[in-house]
Amino acid sequence: MIHHNAMKFIYFFLIYGLLQTSVSAQTPKADILFDNWEYFRAAKLYTEVAAKKPGAAIYFKLGECYRKMHLYRDEVAAYDKVNAFGLFDKSEFYLHYAVSLRSTGRDADAKAAYDTYCSLAPSDFRGPFLRAAIDIANTDHQWDVPVTMTNVSSVNTPNADLCPVLYKDGIVFTSNRKSPGHNKIYGWTGASYLDLYYAAKSKNDSNYTDVSPFGGSRIIKKFNDGPACFSQNFDTIYISRVDRDMSTTANLNVANKNALGIDRVKIFTSAMVHGKWTKAVPLHLNSDAYSVANPYLSKDGSRLYFVSDMPGGYGETDIYYCNREGTTWGQPLNMGGNVNTFNRESYPSEDAGGNFYFASDGYQGFGGLDICVALNKHGQLEKAIPLKYPFNSPQDDFGIMFLRDMKSGYITSNRYEGGTGDDDIFFFDLSKNTINSELTTTIYTIGYRPIKHDLPMPQIVSPTVSIAKQISMPTNFVIYFDLDKYFIRPDAIMHLDSLVTIMNDFPNLTLLASGNCDCRGGTDHNRKLAVKRSNAALMYLNGKGINADRLQGEGYGTKRSPVKCKEGKLYSSDMHQLERRAEFHLQ
C-alpha cells in the first residue's frame, strides 16, 4: 500500500501536470483568437491563463485586448501588472501604458511611463509630444463660465450609443444595444453589432421617446451599420457599413483575411423614393484595400467628408473629402496638415460658419479622442486645436453635432463623469450663458476664448483669454443658388437662420447682402439676377423679423467672381457653383 503522503505527492503532480497542459493549450488558443480579432473571447482566455500562470507577456496580451476594446480601466489594470514585473521588452508597451494611465486620471504615472518610452525610443517624437500634452491641457483647461453636459438618459443604455444626427422631428443615432433581431455578437467587442435607431422628440421637453430600429432591411444588414448622415431634406442617407465580421473567420490567418478584402468599412447610400428607402448601394470611393467610413455631407450637399486609412495619408486614419460632380463624386482629396496628424482623425462635421470639427488623438489634448476644430478664415482652415473641458475629457470624445440654433447640440463620449456605460450621447446648451454688454464686438466660437473682432457672434464660451493664440473669424457668410435661379435653396435656410439668431442677439448689427452670378449669360441679365438673389435673401431675413432698416443689398453680377472666366474655356460645375452665391457681411 502506498503511503498516504506519497499519494498526496503523486496527486499534486497529476493535478499540476493537468493544469500546465490546460494553460499550455489555452495560450495558443487565445493567441489565435487575438490574431483573428476576437478580442472579447481572447481576453477571457488570457485572464484564465494569467490566474494560473501570471507573467508579463500574458498580462500584456490581456491589456492589448482591452485597449482594442477601449476598456481603459481594465487596460490599465492589466498594464499595471506588466509593469510590476520590471522593465518590459517591448518599448511600445510604455507608450500604450502612458496613454491608458492618462485616460484614467493618473497623470504622474503617465509622465513616468512616457519617460521610460522616451529612454527606450529616443528617436520617436511621440513620447515627448504626448508627455507635454499633459501639462498643456492642465493649464487653463476649462471655461470660466460653466457649460453643462447632460446625459441624454432617454436614449442612452449601458451599451454604446453614439453619433446622433438630425432626422425630421427626432434624431437617428448608432447603437449596439440588444433588440429583437439584433442579438448577434460581434467578436471584437463581445457586444451586439452596431445598427441605426430613431428617437422621436418628446412634445413636452427636450427628451426623446419611442426609440426604434431605423431604415429596415434595405439599409440595415447583418453586421455593423453606422454612423450615418443625411441630406438637408432627408431624402438621401450615407452610412458606414462593414459587410462581414472578420472575427468569425477563425480558419483564416490575418494575411489571408486582408487578402480577401472583406473586412473593410465602406460607405453606402440610399434614396427615399415614394416614401421608401431604396436598396443601399456602395459608393465608388470604396476599396477592398482600405476602409472608407464616417460620412458627413456638407450643408449644401456639395461636399462629402469621410475617414480613410488609404495609402498616402498623414497617419493611421485621415479625413478626406470629395466634391459633387453632377450625380457622382469627384476624386478624394486629403484635408491636409491643418487637420490630419500622425495618429487618427475621424468623425468630421461643420458648423454654419464653415468651421471644421473632428475627433483626433494626434493633438496635445486631454487624452483619448478629443474634439478639435479648424477655424474657417476667409475660406481657408487654420491649424486645428482641441476644444476644452467639458467638451473634451480624459476619455474618448467625438461626434459633435449642432442643432439648428447653433447654440446647442450633442457630443458622444465614454467619459466616466456622467456616463451610464459605454459611449453615451450628451447634450450641451450654450444659450444660457449671459453676454457681457462690454463685449458686444467679441467673437465667440465653440472651444475657444473670444477676441476682439469686427464680427459679433453668439456667446458660447467664457470671455477670457484664448486657449493658444489669437483667433479670427470670417466676416462673410455665403449661400448658393441653382443655375439661373434666385429662390432660396433648402441648404441655405440653416445659414440664414443662423444670421437671424445673430442679429436678434446683437440688435445693433446691420447686414450687407451681395448677389453674384457665374460667368454664363449676358452682363445685364447677370446684374439683374444678382440683385434678385440678394433681395431674395433679404426678404427671407425680413420675414423672420429682422427690420428692413438693418438690411442692405447689392448685385454685382460677375464682377466679384472667384473664377476668372476666359472666353472659350470650359469650367467644371463646381467652379460655376462657387460663383452662384450671395455673401453676407455683418457690421
Foldseek 3Di string as FASTA:
>chain_A
DDDPVVVVVVVVVVVVVVVVVVLVVLVVVLVLLVQLLLLVVSLVSLVVSCVVPNDLVSLQSNLVLCVLQQVLVSNLVSLVSNPVVPDDPDLVSLVVNLQSCLLVPNLVVSLVSLVSSCVVCVPDPVSVQQNVLQVLCVPPFAFPDDWDWAFLVQPDDQWAWFQWDDDVQWTKTKTQDDDVVFADAQSNHRTTAIFIWTWGADPPDRHTDDIDGPAPPLQDDRHHKDDKYAALVRFKIKIKDQPDRSSVPSVDGNVVVLVVLRGAIFIWMWGQDPNHTHRTDTAPQDDSNKHWHQWDAALVRFKIKIKICDPPDAARIFIWMWGDFDPHTDDIDTPDDLQDHRYDWGQWDADQQGKIWTWDPGHSYSHEIFIKIFAQAVNDTGRIHGAGPPQDHNYHKGNWDADLLNQKTWIWTQRPVNDDHGITIIIIGQQPDDDDPVCQQWDADGRWAIDGDNDHARHRGHNDHTSPDHDDHYQKGKDWDDALDQAHDSSCVSSLVRVLSGCVVPVVKAKEKEFFAFPPDDQVSQQVSRQSNRVNSLVVSVVVPNDPVRYHYGYDYHPPQPDPDDPPDDDGPVSRRSGGMMMMGMD
